[in-house]
Amino acid sequence: MNELHTVPRFPNVYCSQCGSEFGPGDHGFSHCWNHQYGHLIGKKVRKLSRAGTEPKPFKSKSKINTVKGIIQHPILAMPAFTFEEDDSYVECRKCVEVV
């Protein structure tokens, strides 16, 4: 059996926004939110609750959604998740991974 072994394209990759270094890789990052929240793409998340309250469900009516991608929130100019289950977006910092 012939296994394909790939070597990273670049010896060091960086974030264009903050300059952070991430070691070997095939691509760097344009914005900090790509390396801060990008690991959650494809993962299940829930909304954080406010002090003493139950978190609101997503537009899909579910309390757990799957992260599809990251966009810039059109009103707040903050990173926001988009979801597989519906066409909503929620600020990244308002969600946590479901483990």
N, C-alpha and C. Protein backbone atom coordinates (compact mmCIF):
# COMPACT_ATOMS: atom_id res chain seq x y z
N MET A 1 0.84 -1.17 0.00
CA MET A 1 0.00 0.00 0.00
C MET A 1 0.90 1.24 0.00
N ASN A 2 0.58 2.18 -0.84
CA ASN A 2 1.37 3.38 -0.99
C ASN A 2 0.69 4.54 -0.26
N GLU A 3 1.28 4.99 0.86
CA GLU A 3 0.70 6.10 1.62
C GLU A 3 1.23 7.42 1.11
N LEU A 4 0.36 8.40 1.03
CA LEU A 4 0.74 9.72 0.58
C LEU A 4 1.18 10.54 1.79
N HIS A 5 2.41 10.99 1.79
CA HIS A 5 2.92 11.82 2.87
C HIS A 5 3.17 13.22 2.31
N THR A 6 2.50 14.20 2.88
CA THR A 6 2.68 15.55 2.39
C THR A 6 3.50 16.37 3.38
N VAL A 7 4.35 17.17 2.85
CA VAL A 7 5.17 18.08 3.64
C VAL A 7 4.49 19.45 3.58
N PRO A 8 4.41 20.17 4.70
CA PRO A 8 3.81 21.50 4.66
C PRO A 8 4.48 22.38 3.60
N ARG A 9 3.69 23.19 2.96
CA ARG A 9 4.17 24.03 1.86
C ARG A 9 5.13 25.11 2.35
N PHE A 10 4.88 25.64 3.56
CA PHE A 10 5.70 26.72 4.09
C PHE A 10 6.30 26.31 5.44
N PRO A 11 7.55 26.71 5.70
CA PRO A 11 8.17 26.37 6.97
C PRO A 11 7.55 27.11 8.16
N ASN A 12 6.98 28.27 7.92
CA ASN A 12 6.30 29.05 8.95
C ASN A 12 5.13 29.78 8.32
N VAL A 13 3.98 29.77 8.99
CA VAL A 13 2.82 30.54 8.53
C VAL A 13 2.46 31.56 9.61
N TYR A 14 1.83 32.66 9.17
CA TYR A 14 1.55 33.78 10.05
C TYR A 14 0.12 34.28 9.89
N CYS A 15 -0.30 35.10 10.83
CA CYS A 15 -1.56 35.83 10.73
C CYS A 15 -1.23 37.23 10.20
N SER A 16 -1.84 37.62 9.10
CA SER A 16 -1.59 38.94 8.53
C SER A 16 -2.05 40.07 9.44
N GLN A 17 -3.04 39.81 10.27
CA GLN A 17 -3.59 40.87 11.11
C GLN A 17 -2.73 41.11 12.36
N CYS A 18 -2.37 40.04 13.08
CA CYS A 18 -1.65 40.22 14.35
C CYS A 18 -0.18 39.83 14.29
N GLY A 19 0.21 39.12 13.22
CA GLY A 19 1.61 38.73 13.08
C GLY A 19 2.00 37.47 13.84
N SER A 20 1.05 36.81 14.48
CA SER A 20 1.36 35.58 15.22
C SER A 20 1.93 34.53 14.29
N GLU A 21 2.86 33.75 14.80
CA GLU A 21 3.53 32.69 14.03
C GLU A 21 2.95 31.34 14.45
N PHE A 22 2.72 30.45 13.47
CA PHE A 22 2.08 29.17 13.75
C PHE A 22 2.88 27.96 13.32
N GLY A 23 4.10 28.14 12.90
CA GLY A 23 4.94 27.02 12.49
C GLY A 23 4.58 26.54 11.10
N PRO A 24 5.02 25.32 10.73
CA PRO A 24 4.80 24.80 9.37
C PRO A 24 3.32 24.67 9.03
N GLY A 25 2.99 24.96 7.78
CA GLY A 25 1.61 24.82 7.32
C GLY A 25 1.48 25.13 5.85
N ASP A 26 0.29 24.88 5.33
CA ASP A 26 0.03 25.12 3.91
C ASP A 26 -0.54 26.51 3.65
N HIS A 27 -1.00 27.19 4.69
CA HIS A 27 -1.56 28.53 4.52
C HIS A 27 -1.50 29.29 5.83
N GLY A 28 -1.44 30.60 5.74
CA GLY A 28 -1.51 31.45 6.91
C GLY A 28 -2.93 31.89 7.14
N PHE A 29 -3.11 32.95 7.88
CA PHE A 29 -4.43 33.45 8.24
C PHE A 29 -4.53 34.92 7.88
N SER A 30 -5.66 35.34 7.33
CA SER A 30 -5.87 36.74 6.99
C SER A 30 -6.31 37.56 8.20
N HIS A 31 -7.15 36.96 9.03
CA HIS A 31 -7.70 37.66 10.19
C HIS A 31 -7.51 36.80 11.43
N CYS A 32 -7.40 37.45 12.57
CA CYS A 32 -7.22 36.73 13.83
C CYS A 32 -8.33 35.72 14.09
N TRP A 33 -9.57 36.07 13.69
CA TRP A 33 -10.67 35.15 14.00
C TRP A 33 -10.51 33.81 13.30
N ASN A 34 -9.74 33.76 12.19
CA ASN A 34 -9.51 32.48 11.52
C ASN A 34 -8.73 31.52 12.41
N HIS A 35 -7.76 32.02 13.16
CA HIS A 35 -7.02 31.11 14.05
C HIS A 35 -7.63 31.06 15.44
N GLN A 36 -8.47 32.02 15.81
CA GLN A 36 -9.12 31.98 17.12
C GLN A 36 -10.34 31.07 17.12
N TYR A 37 -11.09 31.06 16.02
CA TYR A 37 -12.36 30.33 15.99
C TYR A 37 -12.44 29.27 14.89
N GLY A 38 -11.50 29.28 13.96
CA GLY A 38 -11.55 28.36 12.81
C GLY A 38 -11.59 26.89 13.18
N HIS A 39 -11.01 26.53 14.33
CA HIS A 39 -11.02 25.12 14.75
C HIS A 39 -12.43 24.61 15.06
N LEU A 40 -13.40 25.52 15.19
CA LEU A 40 -14.77 25.11 15.50
C LEU A 40 -15.62 24.82 14.26
N ILE A 41 -15.09 25.08 13.07
CA ILE A 41 -15.84 24.77 11.85
C ILE A 41 -16.07 23.25 11.80
N GLY A 42 -17.33 22.88 11.61
CA GLY A 42 -17.70 21.46 11.60
C GLY A 42 -18.05 20.91 12.97
N LYS A 43 -17.88 21.71 14.01
CA LYS A 43 -18.17 21.26 15.38
C LYS A 43 -19.53 21.79 15.84
N LYS A 44 -20.07 21.15 16.86
CA LYS A 44 -21.35 21.55 17.46
C LYS A 44 -21.08 22.63 18.51
N VAL A 45 -21.92 23.67 18.51
CA VAL A 45 -21.81 24.74 19.50
C VAL A 45 -23.19 25.05 20.08
N ARG A 46 -23.18 25.69 21.22
CA ARG A 46 -24.39 26.21 21.84
C ARG A 46 -24.14 27.66 22.21
N LYS A 47 -25.21 28.41 22.40
CA LYS A 47 -25.07 29.81 22.82
C LYS A 47 -24.76 29.86 24.31
N LEU A 48 -23.98 30.85 24.71
CA LEU A 48 -23.74 31.08 26.13
C LEU A 48 -25.00 31.66 26.75
N SER A 49 -25.22 31.37 28.02
CA SER A 49 -26.39 31.93 28.70
C SER A 49 -25.98 33.18 29.45
N ARG A 50 -26.91 34.08 29.57
CA ARG A 50 -26.69 35.26 30.41
C ARG A 50 -26.89 34.84 31.85
N ALA A 51 -26.39 35.61 32.76
CA ALA A 51 -26.45 35.27 34.18
C ALA A 51 -27.85 34.84 34.60
N GLY A 52 -27.97 33.58 34.98
CA GLY A 52 -29.22 33.07 35.51
C GLY A 52 -30.34 32.83 34.52
N THR A 53 -30.07 32.95 33.22
CA THR A 53 -31.12 32.73 32.23
C THR A 53 -30.77 31.56 31.31
N GLU A 54 -31.78 31.01 30.74
CA GLU A 54 -31.62 29.92 29.77
C GLU A 54 -31.19 30.53 28.43
N PRO A 55 -30.18 29.94 27.74
CA PRO A 55 -29.79 30.50 26.44
C PRO A 55 -30.90 30.37 25.40
N LYS A 56 -31.01 31.37 24.54
CA LYS A 56 -32.00 31.33 23.47
C LYS A 56 -31.61 30.27 22.45
N PRO A 57 -32.60 29.63 21.82
CA PRO A 57 -32.27 28.68 20.75
C PRO A 57 -31.81 29.42 19.49
N PHE A 58 -31.19 28.67 18.59
CA PHE A 58 -30.82 29.22 17.30
C PHE A 58 -32.07 29.38 16.45
N LYS A 59 -31.94 29.99 15.29
CA LYS A 59 -33.08 30.18 14.39
C LYS A 59 -33.72 28.84 14.01
N SER A 60 -32.91 27.77 14.00
CA SER A 60 -33.40 26.43 13.69
C SER A 60 -34.29 25.87 14.80
N LYS A 61 -34.43 26.60 15.91
CA LYS A 61 -35.19 26.21 17.10
C LYS A 61 -34.41 25.21 17.97
N SER A 62 -33.22 24.84 17.53
CA SER A 62 -32.38 23.92 18.28
C SER A 62 -31.47 24.71 19.22
N LYS A 63 -31.06 24.07 20.31
CA LYS A 63 -30.13 24.71 21.24
C LYS A 63 -28.69 24.40 20.86
N ILE A 64 -28.50 23.50 19.88
CA ILE A 64 -27.16 23.14 19.41
C ILE A 64 -27.15 23.20 17.89
N ASN A 65 -26.16 23.88 17.32
CA ASN A 65 -25.99 23.97 15.87
C ASN A 65 -24.57 23.59 15.47
N THR A 66 -24.38 23.30 14.21
CA THR A 66 -23.07 22.94 13.67
C THR A 66 -22.50 24.13 12.91
N VAL A 67 -21.28 24.53 13.27
CA VAL A 67 -20.64 25.68 12.63
C VAL A 67 -20.29 25.34 11.18
N LYS A 68 -20.74 26.19 10.27
CA LYS A 68 -20.48 26.03 8.83
C LYS A 68 -19.31 26.89 8.37
N GLY A 69 -19.21 28.10 8.91
CA GLY A 69 -18.15 29.01 8.51
C GLY A 69 -18.10 30.22 9.41
N ILE A 70 -17.21 31.15 9.07
CA ILE A 70 -17.04 32.38 9.84
C ILE A 70 -17.15 33.56 8.88
N ILE A 71 -17.94 34.54 9.26
CA ILE A 71 -18.10 35.76 8.48
C ILE A 71 -17.86 36.97 9.39
N GLN A 72 -17.82 38.14 8.81
CA GLN A 72 -17.81 39.36 9.62
C GLN A 72 -19.27 39.74 9.84
N HIS A 73 -19.66 39.87 11.10
CA HIS A 73 -21.04 40.24 11.44
C HIS A 73 -21.37 41.54 10.71
N PRO A 74 -22.46 41.57 9.92
CA PRO A 74 -22.76 42.74 9.10
C PRO A 74 -23.09 44.02 9.87
N ILE A 75 -23.46 43.90 11.12
CA ILE A 75 -23.79 45.09 11.91
C ILE A 75 -22.68 45.43 12.90
N LEU A 76 -22.17 44.41 13.58
CA LEU A 76 -21.19 44.64 14.64
C LEU A 76 -19.73 44.61 14.19
N ALA A 77 -19.49 44.15 12.95
CA ALA A 77 -18.12 44.03 12.42
C ALA A 77 -17.24 43.14 13.29
N MET A 78 -17.83 42.12 13.88
CA MET A 78 -17.13 41.13 14.71
C MET A 78 -17.22 39.78 14.00
N PRO A 79 -16.33 38.83 14.30
CA PRO A 79 -16.47 37.51 13.70
C PRO A 79 -17.76 36.84 14.17
N ALA A 80 -18.45 36.18 13.24
CA ALA A 80 -19.70 35.50 13.55
C ALA A 80 -19.73 34.14 12.86
N PHE A 81 -20.32 33.16 13.52
CA PHE A 81 -20.48 31.83 12.94
C PHE A 81 -21.70 31.79 12.04
N THR A 82 -21.61 31.04 10.95
CA THR A 82 -22.78 30.64 10.17
C THR A 82 -22.98 29.16 10.46
N PHE A 83 -24.18 28.65 10.18
CA PHE A 83 -24.52 27.30 10.63
C PHE A 83 -25.09 26.43 9.52
N GLU A 84 -24.89 25.12 9.66
CA GLU A 84 -25.41 24.12 8.72
C GLU A 84 -26.94 24.05 8.79
N GLU A 85 -27.50 24.19 9.98
CA GLU A 85 -28.92 23.95 10.21
C GLU A 85 -29.84 25.07 9.76
N ASP A 86 -29.33 26.29 9.65
CA ASP A 86 -30.18 27.42 9.26
C ASP A 86 -29.32 28.51 8.63
N ASP A 87 -29.94 29.62 8.28
CA ASP A 87 -29.20 30.70 7.62
C ASP A 87 -28.86 31.84 8.57
N SER A 88 -28.79 31.55 9.86
CA SER A 88 -28.49 32.59 10.83
C SER A 88 -26.99 32.77 11.02
N TYR A 89 -26.63 33.81 11.74
CA TYR A 89 -25.25 34.03 12.15
C TYR A 89 -25.28 34.57 13.57
N VAL A 90 -24.27 34.17 14.35
CA VAL A 90 -24.19 34.56 15.76
C VAL A 90 -22.73 34.91 16.05
N GLU A 91 -22.51 35.98 16.80
CA GLU A 91 -21.16 36.35 17.18
C GLU A 91 -20.41 35.15 17.76
N CYS A 92 -19.19 34.94 17.32
CA CYS A 92 -18.40 33.79 17.78
C CYS A 92 -18.23 33.77 19.29
N ARG A 93 -18.00 34.94 19.87
CA ARG A 93 -17.74 34.98 21.31
C ARG A 93 -18.98 34.66 22.14
N LYS A 94 -20.15 34.53 21.51
CA LYS A 94 -21.38 34.18 22.22
C LYS A 94 -21.69 32.69 22.15
N CYS A 95 -20.76 31.91 21.58
CA CYS A 95 -20.97 30.46 21.44
C CYS A 95 -19.82 29.69 22.07
N VAL A 96 -20.13 28.48 22.53
CA VAL A 96 -19.10 27.58 23.06
C VAL A 96 -19.30 26.20 22.44
N GLU A 97 -18.20 25.48 22.33
CA GLU A 97 -18.26 24.12 21.77
C GLU A 97 -18.99 23.18 22.73
N VAL A 98 -19.77 22.30 22.15
CA VAL A 98 -20.45 21.26 22.93
C VAL A 98 -19.52 20.07 22.95
N VAL A 99 -19.13 19.66 24.15
CA VAL A 99 -18.21 18.52 24.29
C VAL A 99 -18.88 17.31 24.86
